[in-house]
Amino acid sequence: MEFLAEKIIRCPYCDESLDVLIDPQEIGQQYVEDCQVCCKPITFHITSDSAGNVVVSVHDENDTY
């Protein structure tokens, strides 16, 4: 059983620091969640580094990547 990874992200809109829980089984996925502070949609990209650690990158809905 894999445990959830706790990560701290910054909202790309209001710059607020947010604690999020990421399921390692979501590696390779992208999804949208609303900011808990400003309610704007944040796009989450879940990947892993070379050591297998969960990496979370966030973007606003208008960013291209």
Protein backbone atom coordinates (compact mmCIF):
# COMPACT_ATOMS: atom_id res chain seq x y z
CA MET A 1 0.00 0.00 0.00
CA GLU A 2 1.42 3.36 -1.03
CA PHE A 3 0.87 6.39 1.18
CA LEU A 4 -0.30 9.78 0.05
CA ALA A 5 2.45 12.32 -0.53
CA GLU A 6 1.99 15.67 1.17
CA LYS A 7 3.19 18.54 -1.01
CA ILE A 8 3.10 22.30 -0.65
CA ILE A 9 2.19 24.21 -3.80
CA ARG A 10 1.66 27.90 -4.56
CA CYS A 11 -1.50 29.00 -6.29
CA PRO A 12 -0.54 30.51 -9.67
CA TYR A 13 -3.26 33.14 -9.20
CA CYS A 14 -3.20 34.37 -5.58
CA ASP A 15 0.29 33.02 -4.64
CA GLU A 16 -1.13 31.41 -1.48
CA SER A 17 0.74 28.37 -0.11
CA LEU A 18 -1.48 25.28 -0.10
CA ASP A 19 -0.95 21.80 1.36
CA VAL A 20 -2.15 19.08 -0.99
CA LEU A 21 -2.20 15.30 -0.72
CA ILE A 22 -1.15 13.42 -3.85
CA ASP A 23 -1.75 9.74 -4.50
CA PRO A 24 1.43 8.23 -6.04
CA GLN A 25 -0.84 6.22 -8.35
CA GLU A 26 -1.68 9.54 -10.08
CA ILE A 27 1.85 9.83 -11.54
CA GLY A 28 1.54 10.67 -15.23
CA GLN A 29 -1.85 12.32 -14.81
CA GLN A 30 -3.13 15.85 -15.07
CA TYR A 31 -6.21 17.24 -13.36
CA VAL A 32 -7.81 20.50 -12.26
CA GLU A 33 -8.71 21.54 -8.71
CA ASP A 34 -9.97 24.90 -7.52
CA CYS A 35 -7.74 26.92 -5.20
CA GLN A 36 -8.94 26.68 -1.59
CA VAL A 37 -8.40 30.44 -1.18
CA CYS A 38 -9.32 32.25 -4.43
CA CYS A 39 -11.41 29.43 -6.01
CA LYS A 40 -9.69 29.71 -9.42
CA PRO A 41 -8.87 26.48 -11.33
CA ILE A 42 -5.34 25.15 -10.85
CA THR A 43 -4.00 22.56 -13.31
CA PHE A 44 -1.93 19.89 -11.53
CA HIS A 45 0.68 17.76 -13.36
CA ILE A 46 1.85 14.74 -11.37
CA THR A 47 5.21 13.22 -12.34
CA SER A 48 8.14 11.54 -10.60
CA ASP A 49 11.83 12.30 -10.43
CA SER A 50 14.67 9.86 -11.14
CA ALA A 51 14.51 8.59 -7.53
CA GLY A 52 10.79 7.82 -7.85
CA ASN A 53 9.61 10.72 -5.67
CA VAL A 54 6.32 12.39 -6.51
CA VAL A 55 6.72 15.79 -8.22
CA VAL A 56 3.82 18.21 -8.55
CA SER A 57 3.81 21.18 -10.91
CA VAL A 58 0.90 23.61 -11.06
CA HIS A 59 -0.21 26.09 -13.70
CA ASP A 60 -3.06 28.49 -14.29
CA GLU A 61 -5.59 27.51 -16.94
CA ASN A 62 -4.02 29.81 -19.55
CA ASP A 63 -0.43 28.53 -19.29
CA THR A 64 0.93 26.48 -22.15
CA TYR A 65 3.29 23.62 -21.31
